[in-house]
Amino acid sequence: MVCVLCNLKPAKMRDIVSQAMVLAASSSDGSKVELVEPPESAIIGERVIFPGFEGEPDDLLNPKKKIFETLAVDLHTNENLVACYKDVPFTTSAGVCKVSSISNGPVR
């Protein structure tokens, strides 16, 4: 299982229409990339939340407003390998989402 950003405007990539983006962390030098994974007991399709940040997601992110690009600078892993937004863990009903070994790396 992986974490996916699902409300992107559909875009054609290599003749396939994509409507989502898989989230991954990368090492500081870019030599290593790891998928952000929810806990094994997380429910497939469950919404990831960020405690303290309430509200409903947009149905579709407007690419002209560059919403993801604005938020992306605050997505990272911490020293415990937990994926975070502004130091708040990506959280599911089963716990937090993590990567295998990249600490303090950007998530995109």
PDB file of N, CA and C in Angstrom:
ATOM      1  N   MET A   1       0.839  -1.184   0.000  1.00  0.00           N
ATOM      2  CA  MET A   1       0.000   0.000   0.000  1.00  0.00           C
ATOM      3  C   MET A   1       0.882   1.246   0.000  1.00  0.00           C
ATOM      4  N   VAL A   2       0.353   2.307  -0.585  1.00  0.00           N
ATOM      5  CA  VAL A   2       1.072   3.575  -0.687  1.00  0.00           C
ATOM      6  C   VAL A   2       0.121   4.726  -0.398  1.00  0.00           C
ATOM      7  N   CYS A   3       0.663   5.914  -0.213  1.00  0.00           N
ATOM      8  CA  CYS A   3      -0.141   7.131  -0.068  1.00  0.00           C
ATOM      9  C   CYS A   3      -0.192   7.831  -1.416  1.00  0.00           C
ATOM     10  N   VAL A   4      -1.396   8.239  -1.799  1.00  0.00           N
ATOM     11  CA  VAL A   4      -1.614   8.841  -3.107  1.00  0.00           C
ATOM     12  C   VAL A   4      -2.392  10.139  -2.961  1.00  0.00           C
ATOM     13  N   LEU A   5      -1.961  11.178  -3.662  1.00  0.00           N
ATOM     14  CA  LEU A   5      -2.700  12.430  -3.749  1.00  0.00           C
ATOM     15  C   LEU A   5      -3.671  12.258  -4.905  1.00  0.00           C
ATOM     16  N   CYS A   6      -4.983  12.250  -4.607  1.00  0.00           N
ATOM     17  CA  CYS A   6      -5.975  11.828  -5.596  1.00  0.00           C
ATOM     18  C   CYS A   6      -6.800  12.920  -6.251  1.00  0.00           C
ATOM     19  N   ASN A   7      -6.644  14.169  -5.877  1.00  0.00           N
ATOM     20  CA  ASN A   7      -7.527  15.186  -6.457  1.00  0.00           C
ATOM     21  C   ASN A   7      -6.804  16.121  -7.427  1.00  0.00           C
ATOM     22  N   LEU A   8      -5.927  15.535  -8.222  1.00  0.00           N
ATOM     23  CA  LEU A   8      -5.206  16.303  -9.235  1.00  0.00           C
ATOM     24  C   LEU A   8      -6.010  16.379 -10.525  1.00  0.00           C
ATOM     25  N   LYS A   9      -5.775  17.416 -11.290  1.00  0.00           N
ATOM     26  CA  LYS A   9      -6.402  17.531 -12.602  1.00  0.00           C
ATOM     27  C   LYS A   9      -5.838  16.416 -13.481  1.00  0.00           C
ATOM     28  N   PRO A  10      -6.700  15.678 -14.197  1.00  0.00           N
ATOM     29  CA  PRO A  10      -6.200  14.618 -15.072  1.00  0.00           C
ATOM     30  C   PRO A  10      -5.173  15.158 -16.065  1.00  0.00           C
ATOM     31  N   ALA A  11      -4.091  14.394 -16.234  1.00  0.00           N
ATOM     32  CA  ALA A  11      -3.027  14.784 -17.166  1.00  0.00           C
ATOM     33  C   ALA A  11      -2.552  13.537 -17.887  1.00  0.00           C
ATOM     34  N   LYS A  12      -2.228  13.700 -19.152  1.00  0.00           N
ATOM     35  CA  LYS A  12      -1.755  12.570 -19.941  1.00  0.00           C
ATOM     36  C   LYS A  12      -0.242  12.436 -19.783  1.00  0.00           C
ATOM     37  N   MET A  13       0.191  11.264 -19.384  1.00  0.00           N
ATOM     38  CA  MET A  13       1.615  10.979 -19.212  1.00  0.00           C
ATOM     39  C   MET A  13       1.916   9.689 -19.971  1.00  0.00           C
ATOM     40  N   ARG A  14       2.742   9.800 -20.989  1.00  0.00           N
ATOM     41  CA  ARG A  14       3.083   8.633 -21.819  1.00  0.00           C
ATOM     42  C   ARG A  14       1.834   7.930 -22.344  1.00  0.00           C
ATOM     43  N   ASP A  15       0.912   8.727 -22.852  1.00  0.00           N
ATOM     44  CA  ASP A  15      -0.343   8.257 -23.442  1.00  0.00           C
ATOM     45  C   ASP A  15      -1.298   7.589 -22.461  1.00  0.00           C
ATOM     46  N   ILE A  16      -1.094   7.798 -21.159  1.00  0.00           N
ATOM     47  CA  ILE A  16      -2.002   7.274 -20.142  1.00  0.00           C
ATOM     48  C   ILE A  16      -2.487   8.450 -19.306  1.00  0.00           C
ATOM     49  N   VAL A  17      -3.794   8.521 -19.063  1.00  0.00           N
ATOM     50  CA  VAL A  17      -4.343   9.607 -18.267  1.00  0.00           C
ATOM     51  C   VAL A  17      -4.123   9.299 -16.791  1.00  0.00           C
ATOM     52  N   SER A  18      -3.469  10.228 -16.113  1.00  0.00           N
ATOM     53  CA  SER A  18      -3.191  10.094 -14.686  1.00  0.00           C
ATOM     54  C   SER A  18      -4.045  11.090 -13.924  1.00  0.00           C
ATOM     55  N   GLN A  19      -4.642  10.639 -12.815  1.00  0.00           N
ATOM     56  CA  GLN A  19      -5.457  11.520 -11.988  1.00  0.00           C
ATOM     57  C   GLN A  19      -4.950  11.561 -10.553  1.00  0.00           C
ATOM     58  N   ALA A  20      -3.771  11.020 -10.315  1.00  0.00           N
ATOM     59  CA  ALA A  20      -3.238  10.969  -8.953  1.00  0.00           C
ATOM     60  C   ALA A  20      -1.716  10.981  -8.993  1.00  0.00           C
ATOM     61  N   MET A  21      -1.126  11.126  -7.795  1.00  0.00           N
ATOM     62  CA  MET A  21       0.329  11.130  -7.680  1.00  0.00           C
ATOM     63  C   MET A  21       0.713  10.309  -6.440  1.00  0.00           C
ATOM     64  N   VAL A  22       1.595   9.358  -6.617  1.00  0.00           N
ATOM     65  CA  VAL A  22       2.114   8.566  -5.505  1.00  0.00           C
ATOM     66  C   VAL A  22       3.116   9.430  -4.752  1.00  0.00           C
ATOM     67  N   LEU A  23       3.017   9.466  -3.418  1.00  0.00           N
ATOM     68  CA  LEU A  23       3.929  10.276  -2.619  1.00  0.00           C
ATOM     69  C   LEU A  23       5.146   9.459  -2.214  1.00  0.00           C
ATOM     70  N   ALA A  24       6.324  10.069  -2.352  1.00  0.00           N
ATOM     71  CA  ALA A  24       7.581   9.407  -2.023  1.00  0.00           C
ATOM     72  C   ALA A  24       8.538  10.409  -1.401  1.00  0.00           C
ATOM     73  N   ALA A  25       9.428   9.886  -0.575  1.00  0.00           N
ATOM     74  CA  ALA A  25      10.482  10.706   0.023  1.00  0.00           C
ATOM     75  C   ALA A  25      11.766  10.464  -0.749  1.00  0.00           C
ATOM     76  N   SER A  26      12.633  11.472  -0.754  1.00  0.00           N
ATOM     77  CA  SER A  26      13.927  11.296  -1.412  1.00  0.00           C
ATOM     78  C   SER A  26      15.040  11.721  -0.467  1.00  0.00           C
ATOM     79  N   SER A  27      16.201  11.113  -0.667  1.00  0.00           N
ATOM     80  CA  SER A  27      17.366  11.474   0.143  1.00  0.00           C
ATOM     81  C   SER A  27      17.842  12.860  -0.261  1.00  0.00           C
ATOM     82  N   SER A  28      18.655  13.472   0.580  1.00  0.00           N
ATOM     83  CA  SER A  28      19.100  14.839   0.328  1.00  0.00           C
ATOM     84  C   SER A  28      19.853  14.980  -0.987  1.00  0.00           C
ATOM     85  N   ASP A  29      20.584  13.943  -1.393  1.00  0.00           N
ATOM     86  CA  ASP A  29      21.329  14.017  -2.654  1.00  0.00           C
ATOM     87  C   ASP A  29      20.534  13.466  -3.840  1.00  0.00           C
ATOM     88  N   GLY A  30      19.287  13.011  -3.580  1.00  0.00           N
ATOM     89  CA  GLY A  30      18.434  12.506  -4.647  1.00  0.00           C
ATOM     90  C   GLY A  30      18.768  11.113  -5.137  1.00  0.00           C
ATOM     91  N   SER A  31      19.705  10.434  -4.485  1.00  0.00           N
ATOM     92  CA  SER A  31      20.127   9.113  -4.952  1.00  0.00           C
ATOM     93  C   SER A  31      19.184   7.990  -4.527  1.00  0.00           C
ATOM     94  N   LYS A  32      18.280   8.269  -3.590  1.00  0.00           N
ATOM     95  CA  LYS A  32      17.394   7.239  -3.070  1.00  0.00           C
ATOM     96  C   LYS A  32      15.982   7.797  -2.964  1.00  0.00           C
ATOM     97  N   VAL A  33      14.996   6.972  -3.346  1.00  0.00           N
ATOM     98  CA  VAL A  33      13.590   7.355  -3.273  1.00  0.00           C
ATOM     99  C   VAL A  33      12.824   6.207  -2.623  1.00  0.00           C
ATOM    100  N   GLU A  34      11.920   6.538  -1.704  1.00  0.00           N
ATOM    101  CA  GLU A  34      11.107   5.525  -1.033  1.00  0.00           C
ATOM    102  C   GLU A  34       9.652   5.980  -0.988  1.00  0.00           C
ATOM    103  N   LEU A  35       8.737   5.040  -1.216  1.00  0.00           N
ATOM    104  CA  LEU A  35       7.317   5.345  -1.167  1.00  0.00           C
ATOM    105  C   LEU A  35       6.876   5.600   0.267  1.00  0.00           C
ATOM    106  N   VAL A  36       5.953   6.540   0.431  1.00  0.00           N
ATOM    107  CA  VAL A  36       5.324   6.771   1.731  1.00  0.00           C
ATOM    108  C   VAL A  36       4.264   5.680   1.889  1.00  0.00           C
ATOM    109  N   GLU A  37       4.354   4.906   2.977  1.00  0.00           N
ATOM    110  CA  GLU A  37       3.469   3.764   3.180  1.00  0.00           C
ATOM    111  C   GLU A  37       2.612   3.952   4.433  1.00  0.00           C
ATOM    112  N   PRO A  38       1.312   3.643   4.308  1.00  0.00           N
ATOM    113  CA  PRO A  38       0.461   3.665   5.495  1.00  0.00           C
ATOM    114  C   PRO A  38       0.734   2.410   6.332  1.00  0.00           C
ATOM    115  N   PRO A  39       0.254   2.379   7.582  1.00  0.00           N
ATOM    116  CA  PRO A  39       0.414   1.159   8.380  1.00  0.00           C
ATOM    117  C   PRO A  39      -0.278  -0.024   7.697  1.00  0.00           C
ATOM    118  N   GLU A  40       0.219  -1.224   7.939  1.00  0.00           N
ATOM    119  CA  GLU A  40      -0.350  -2.413   7.291  1.00  0.00           C
ATOM    120  C   GLU A  40      -1.842  -2.572   7.535  1.00  0.00           C
ATOM    121  N   SER A  41      -2.319  -2.163   8.704  1.00  0.00           N
ATOM    122  CA  SER A  41      -3.740  -2.353   9.030  1.00  0.00           C
ATOM    123  C   SER A  41      -4.616  -1.173   8.605  1.00  0.00           C
ATOM    124  N   ALA A  42      -4.060  -0.215   7.882  1.00  0.00           N
ATOM    125  CA  ALA A  42      -4.860   0.913   7.380  1.00  0.00           C
ATOM    126  C   ALA A  42      -5.880   0.395   6.370  1.00  0.00           C
ATOM    127  N   ILE A  43      -6.984   1.097   6.279  1.00  0.00           N
ATOM    128  CA  ILE A  43      -8.055   0.715   5.358  1.00  0.00           C
ATOM    129  C   ILE A  43      -7.753   1.283   3.980  1.00  0.00           C
ATOM    130  N   ILE A  44      -7.804   0.433   2.963  1.00  0.00           N
ATOM    131  CA  ILE A  44      -7.553   0.876   1.587  1.00  0.00           C
ATOM    132  C   ILE A  44      -8.564   1.960   1.216  1.00  0.00           C
ATOM    133  N   GLY A  45      -8.067   3.072   0.699  1.00  0.00           N
ATOM    134  CA  GLY A  45      -8.921   4.180   0.298  1.00  0.00           C
ATOM    135  C   GLY A  45      -9.201   5.175   1.410  1.00  0.00           C
ATOM    136  N   GLU A  46      -8.693   4.890   2.591  1.00  0.00           N
ATOM    137  CA  GLU A  46      -8.908   5.776   3.732  1.00  0.00           C
ATOM    138  C   GLU A  46      -8.242   7.129   3.503  1.00  0.00           C
ATOM    139  N   ARG A  47      -8.883   8.178   3.970  1.00  0.00           N
ATOM    140  CA  ARG A  47      -8.316   9.519   3.861  1.00  0.00           C
ATOM    141  C   ARG A  47      -7.237   9.698   4.926  1.00  0.00           C
ATOM    142  N   VAL A  48      -6.101  10.198   4.508  1.00  0.00           N
ATOM    143  CA  VAL A  48      -5.023  10.538   5.436  1.00  0.00           C
ATOM    144  C   VAL A  48      -5.332  11.912   5.996  1.00  0.00           C
ATOM    145  N   ILE A  49      -5.183  12.055   7.327  1.00  0.00           N
ATOM    146  CA  ILE A  49      -5.471  13.348   7.949  1.00  0.00           C
ATOM    147  C   ILE A  49      -4.217  13.904   8.617  1.00  0.00           C
ATOM    148  N   PHE A  50      -4.300  15.171   8.956  1.00  0.00           N
ATOM    149  CA  PHE A  50      -3.222  15.876   9.642  1.00  0.00           C
ATOM    150  C   PHE A  50      -3.850  16.533  10.866  1.00  0.00           C
ATOM    151  N   PRO A  51      -3.737  15.902  12.053  1.00  0.00           N
ATOM    152  CA  PRO A  51      -4.394  16.440  13.243  1.00  0.00           C
ATOM    153  C   PRO A  51      -4.093  17.928  13.431  1.00  0.00           C
ATOM    154  N   GLY A  52      -5.167  18.691  13.665  1.00  0.00           N
ATOM    155  CA  GLY A  52      -5.033  20.135  13.816  1.00  0.00           C
ATOM    156  C   GLY A  52      -5.362  20.891  12.543  1.00  0.00           C
ATOM    157  N   PHE A  53      -5.361  20.202  11.412  1.00  0.00           N
ATOM    158  CA  PHE A  53      -5.734  20.808  10.131  1.00  0.00           C
ATOM    159  C   PHE A  53      -7.069  20.194   9.725  1.00  0.00           C
ATOM    160  N   GLU A  54      -8.145  20.902   9.983  1.00  0.00           N
ATOM    161  CA  GLU A  54      -9.482  20.385   9.714  1.00  0.00           C
ATOM    162  C   GLU A  54      -9.978  20.885   8.364  1.00  0.00           C
ATOM    163  N   GLY A  55     -11.011  20.233   7.838  1.00  0.00           N
ATOM    164  CA  GLY A  55     -11.620  20.672   6.594  1.00  0.00           C
ATOM    165  C   GLY A  55     -11.711  19.548   5.593  1.00  0.00           C
ATOM    166  N   GLU A  56     -12.399  19.818   4.539  1.00  0.00           N
ATOM    167  CA  GLU A  56     -12.591  18.847   3.466  1.00  0.00           C
ATOM    168  C   GLU A  56     -11.654  19.178   2.305  1.00  0.00           C
ATOM    169  N   PRO A  57     -11.148  18.148   1.634  1.00  0.00           N
ATOM    170  CA  PRO A  57     -10.273  18.405   0.481  1.00  0.00           C
ATOM    171  C   PRO A  57     -11.059  18.974  -0.700  1.00  0.00           C
ATOM    172  N   ASP A  58     -10.364  19.704  -1.542  1.00  0.00           N
ATOM    173  CA  ASP A  58     -10.976  20.171  -2.785  1.00  0.00           C
ATOM    174  C   ASP A  58     -11.288  18.961  -3.642  1.00  0.00           C
ATOM    175  N   ASP A  59     -12.386  19.028  -4.405  1.00  0.00           N
ATOM    176  CA  ASP A  59     -12.703  17.934  -5.323  1.00  0.00           C
ATOM    177  C   ASP A  59     -11.606  17.778  -6.368  1.00  0.00           C
ATOM    178  N   LEU A  60     -11.079  18.908  -6.828  1.00  0.00           N
ATOM    179  CA  LEU A  60     -10.035  18.915  -7.849  1.00  0.00           C
ATOM    180  C   LEU A  60      -9.147  20.123  -7.599  1.00  0.00           C
ATOM    181  N   LEU A  61      -7.836  19.893  -7.467  1.00  0.00           N
ATOM    182  CA  LEU A  61      -6.915  21.007  -7.273  1.00  0.00           C
ATOM    183  C   LEU A  61      -6.804  21.802  -8.566  1.00  0.00           C
ATOM    184  N   ASN A  62      -6.920  23.100  -8.466  1.00  0.00           N
ATOM    185  CA  ASN A  62      -6.798  23.972  -9.625  1.00  0.00           C
ATOM    186  C   ASN A  62      -5.310  24.178  -9.911  1.00  0.00           C
ATOM    187  N   PRO A  63      -4.797  23.641 -11.030  1.00  0.00           N
ATOM    188  CA  PRO A  63      -3.373  23.765 -11.308  1.00  0.00           C
ATOM    189  C   PRO A  63      -2.902  25.213 -11.482  1.00  0.00           C
ATOM    190  N   LYS A  64      -3.808  26.107 -11.846  1.00  0.00           N
ATOM    191  CA  LYS A  64      -3.426  27.516 -12.017  1.00  0.00           C
ATOM    192  C   LYS A  64      -3.117  28.178 -10.673  1.00  0.00           C
ATOM    193  N   LYS A  65      -3.687  27.655  -9.586  1.00  0.00           N
ATOM    194  CA  LYS A  65      -3.446  28.233  -8.259  1.00  0.00           C
ATOM    195  C   LYS A  65      -2.201  27.653  -7.594  1.00  0.00           C
ATOM    196  N   LYS A  66      -1.621  26.621  -8.184  1.00  0.00           N
ATOM    197  CA  LYS A  66      -0.385  26.012  -7.679  1.00  0.00           C
ATOM    198  C   LYS A  66      -0.489  25.634  -6.192  1.00  0.00           C
ATOM    199  N   ILE A  67      -1.622  25.036  -5.819  1.00  0.00           N
ATOM    200  CA  ILE A  67      -1.874  24.660  -4.430  1.00  0.00           C
ATOM    201  C   ILE A  67      -0.877  23.610  -3.960  1.00  0.00           C
ATOM    202  N   PHE A  68      -0.704  22.543  -4.740  1.00  0.00           N
ATOM    203  CA  PHE A  68       0.237  21.503  -4.307  1.00  0.00           C
ATOM    204  C   PHE A  68       1.651  22.053  -4.206  1.00  0.00           C
ATOM    205  N   GLU A  69       2.064  22.833  -5.180  1.00  0.00           N
ATOM    206  CA  GLU A  69       3.420  23.384  -5.168  1.00  0.00           C
ATOM    207  C   GLU A  69       3.656  24.253  -3.923  1.00  0.00           C
ATOM    208  N   THR A  70       2.622  24.955  -3.483  1.00  0.00           N
ATOM    209  CA  THR A  70       2.720  25.791  -2.280  1.00  0.00           C
ATOM    210  C   THR A  70       2.852  24.932  -1.025  1.00  0.00           C
ATOM    211  N   LEU A  71       2.074  23.853  -0.950  1.00  0.00           N
ATOM    212  CA  LEU A  71       2.100  22.970   0.222  1.00  0.00           C
ATOM    213  C   LEU A  71       3.311  22.050   0.242  1.00  0.00           C
ATOM    214  N   ALA A  72       3.814  21.683  -0.919  1.00  0.00           N
ATOM    215  CA  ALA A  72       4.883  20.686  -1.030  1.00  0.00           C
ATOM    216  C   ALA A  72       6.146  21.066  -0.262  1.00  0.00           C
ATOM    217  N   VAL A  73       6.420  22.336  -0.117  1.00  0.00           N
ATOM    218  CA  VAL A  73       7.637  22.747   0.596  1.00  0.00           C
ATOM    219  C   VAL A  73       7.602  22.332   2.065  1.00  0.00           C
ATOM    220  N   ASP A  74       6.407  22.048   2.611  1.00  0.00           N
ATOM    221  CA  ASP A  74       6.271  21.645   4.005  1.00  0.00           C
ATOM    222  C   ASP A  74       6.068  20.138   4.181  1.00  0.00           C
ATOM    223  N   LEU A  75       6.206  19.368   3.107  1.00  0.00           N
ATOM    224  CA  LEU A  75       6.100  17.907   3.193  1.00  0.00           C
ATOM    225  C   LEU A  75       7.492  17.314   3.344  1.00  0.00           C
ATOM    226  N   HIS A  76       7.675  16.485   4.374  1.00  0.00           N
ATOM    227  CA  HIS A  76       8.996  15.903   4.638  1.00  0.00           C
ATOM    228  C   HIS A  76       8.861  14.687   5.551  1.00  0.00           C
ATOM    229  N   THR A  77       9.950  13.961   5.717  1.00  0.00           N
ATOM    230  CA  THR A  77       9.994  12.918   6.733  1.00  0.00           C
ATOM    231  C   THR A  77      10.755  13.468   7.925  1.00  0.00           C
ATOM    232  N   ASN A  78      10.453  12.936   9.105  1.00  0.00           N
ATOM    233  CA  ASN A  78      11.173  13.387  10.296  1.00  0.00           C
ATOM    234  C   ASN A  78      12.258  12.374  10.683  1.00  0.00           C
ATOM    235  N   GLU A  79      12.888  12.587  11.812  1.00  0.00           N
ATOM    236  CA  GLU A  79      13.976  11.703  12.252  1.00  0.00           C
ATOM    237  C   GLU A  79      13.495  10.292  12.581  1.00  0.00           C
ATOM    238  N   ASN A  80      12.163  10.126  12.770  1.00  0.00           N
ATOM    239  CA  ASN A  80      11.583   8.807  13.044  1.00  0.00           C
ATOM    240  C   ASN A  80      11.007   8.149  11.794  1.00  0.00           C
ATOM    241  N   LEU A  81      11.327   8.712  10.606  1.00  0.00           N
ATOM    242  CA  LEU A  81      10.898   8.186   9.303  1.00  0.00           C
ATOM    243  C   LEU A  81       9.409   8.394   9.024  1.00  0.00           C
ATOM    244  N   VAL A  82       8.757   9.252   9.799  1.00  0.00           N
ATOM    245  CA  VAL A  82       7.333   9.531   9.638  1.00  0.00           C
ATOM    246  C   VAL A  82       7.149  10.658   8.625  1.00  0.00           C
ATOM    247  N   ALA A  83       6.237  10.463   7.671  1.00  0.00           N
ATOM    248  CA  ALA A  83       5.915  11.513   6.707  1.00  0.00           C
ATOM    249  C   ALA A  83       5.090  12.581   7.413  1.00  0.00           C
ATOM    250  N   CYS A  84       5.449  13.858   7.189  1.00  0.00           N
ATOM    251  CA  CYS A  84       4.806  14.963   7.900  1.00  0.00           C
ATOM    252  C   CYS A  84       4.474  16.119   6.964  1.00  0.00           C
ATOM    253  N   TYR A  85       3.477  16.892   7.380  1.00  0.00           N
ATOM    254  CA  TYR A  85       3.186  18.191   6.788  1.00  0.00           C
ATOM    255  C   TYR A  85       3.340  19.199   7.921  1.00  0.00           C
ATOM    256  N   LYS A  86       4.281  20.111   7.817  1.00  0.00           N
ATOM    257  CA  LYS A  86       4.564  21.089   8.878  1.00  0.00           C
ATOM    258  C   LYS A  86       4.756  20.394  10.227  1.00  0.00           C
ATOM    259  N   ASP A  87       5.502  19.309  10.236  1.00  0.00           N
ATOM    260  CA  ASP A  87       5.811  18.532  11.438  1.00  0.00           C
ATOM    261  C   ASP A  87       4.619  17.783  12.025  1.00  0.00           C
ATOM    262  N   VAL A  88       3.486  17.745  11.333  1.00  0.00           N
ATOM    263  CA  VAL A  88       2.317  16.984  11.768  1.00  0.00           C
ATOM    264  C   VAL A  88       2.274  15.698  10.940  1.00  0.00           C
ATOM    265  N   PRO A  89       2.251  14.525  11.594  1.00  0.00           N
ATOM    266  CA  PRO A  89       2.305  13.257  10.865  1.00  0.00           C
ATOM    267  C   PRO A  89       1.129  13.015   9.923  1.00  0.00           C
ATOM    268  N   PHE A  90       1.415  12.375   8.780  1.00  0.00           N
ATOM    269  CA  PHE A  90       0.375  11.823   7.921  1.00  0.00           C
ATOM    270  C   PHE A  90      -0.260  10.735   8.792  1.00  0.00           C
ATOM    271  N   THR A  91      -1.554  10.828   9.078  1.00  0.00           N
ATOM    272  CA  THR A  91      -2.178   9.938  10.052  1.00  0.00           C
ATOM    273  C   THR A  91      -3.388   9.215   9.466  1.00  0.00           C
ATOM    274  N   THR A  92      -3.489   7.911   9.752  1.00  0.00           N
ATOM    275  CA  THR A  92      -4.650   7.103   9.387  1.00  0.00           C
ATOM    276  C   THR A  92      -5.264   6.564  10.678  1.00  0.00           C
ATOM    277  N   SER A  93      -6.380   5.869  10.559  1.00  0.00           N
ATOM    278  CA  SER A  93      -7.008   5.275  11.746  1.00  0.00           C
ATOM    279  C   SER A  93      -6.114   4.212  12.369  1.00  0.00           C
ATOM    280  N   ALA A  94      -5.155   3.686  11.601  1.00  0.00           N
ATOM    281  CA  ALA A  94      -4.251   2.645  12.086  1.00  0.00           C
ATOM    282  C   ALA A  94      -2.902   3.187  12.555  1.00  0.00           C
ATOM    283  N   GLY A  95      -2.685   4.489  12.439  1.00  0.00           N
ATOM    284  CA  GLY A  95      -1.415   5.077  12.859  1.00  0.00           C
ATOM    285  C   GLY A  95      -0.834   5.981  11.787  1.00  0.00           C
ATOM    286  N   VAL A  96       0.468   6.242  11.900  1.00  0.00           N
ATOM    287  CA  VAL A  96       1.122   7.191  10.994  1.00  0.00           C
ATOM    288  C   VAL A  96       1.728   6.499   9.771  1.00  0.00           C
ATOM    289  N   CYS A  97       1.950   7.292   8.718  1.00  0.00           N
ATOM    290  CA  CYS A  97       2.542   6.804   7.472  1.00  0.00           C
ATOM    291  C   CYS A  97       4.049   7.050   7.532  1.00  0.00           C
ATOM    292  N   LYS A  98       4.814   6.080   7.017  1.00  0.00           N
ATOM    293  CA  LYS A  98       6.271   6.157   7.149  1.00  0.00           C
ATOM    294  C   LYS A  98       6.977   5.755   5.857  1.00  0.00           C
ATOM    295  N   VAL A  99       8.270   5.967   5.858  1.00  0.00           N
ATOM    296  CA  VAL A  99       9.162   5.444   4.822  1.00  0.00           C
ATOM    297  C   VAL A  99      10.122   4.474   5.502  1.00  0.00           C
ATOM    298  N   SER A 100      10.866   3.722   4.710  1.00  0.00           N
ATOM    299  CA  SER A 100      11.738   2.694   5.265  1.00  0.00           C
ATOM    300  C   SER A 100      13.000   3.226   5.940  1.00  0.00           C
ATOM    301  N   SER A 101      13.676   4.199   5.296  1.00  0.00           N
ATOM    302  CA  SER A 101      14.978   4.585   5.840  1.00  0.00           C
ATOM    303  C   SER A 101      15.384   6.044   5.645  1.00  0.00           C
ATOM    304  N   ILE A 102      14.593   6.839   4.930  1.00  0.00           N
ATOM    305  CA  ILE A 102      14.998   8.226   4.645  1.00  0.00           C
ATOM    306  C   ILE A 102      14.462   9.157   5.733  1.00  0.00           C
ATOM    307  N   SER A 103      15.355   9.662   6.555  1.00  0.00           N
ATOM    308  CA  SER A 103      14.937  10.621   7.582  1.00  0.00           C
ATOM    309  C   SER A 103      15.245  12.038   7.104  1.00  0.00           C
ATOM    310  N   ASN A 104      14.403  12.962   7.512  1.00  0.00           N
ATOM    311  CA  ASN A 104      14.560  14.383   7.181  1.00  0.00           C
ATOM    312  C   ASN A 104      14.713  14.652   5.689  1.00  0.00           C
ATOM    313  N   GLY A 105      13.929  13.939   4.890  1.00  0.00           N
ATOM    314  CA  GLY A 105      13.965  14.129   3.441  1.00  0.00           C
ATOM    315  C   GLY A 105      12.673  14.728   2.929  1.00  0.00           C
ATOM    316  N   PRO A 106      12.708  15.409   1.806  1.00  0.00           N
ATOM    317  CA  PRO A 106      11.486  15.970   1.222  1.00  0.00           C
ATOM    318  C   PRO A 106      10.563  14.874   0.721  1.00  0.00           C
ATOM    319  N   VAL A 107       9.259  15.144   0.777  1.00  0.00           N
ATOM    320  CA  VAL A 107       8.232  14.233   0.238  1.00  0.00           C
ATOM    321  C   VAL A 107       7.581  14.937  -0.942  1.00  0.00           C
ATOM    322  N   ARG A 108       7.498  14.250  -2.071  1.00  0.00           N
ATOM    323  CA  ARG A 108       6.849  14.777  -3.277  1.00  0.00           C
ATOM    324  C   ARG A 108       6.060  13.671  -3.933  1.00  0.00           C
TER     325      ARG A 108
END
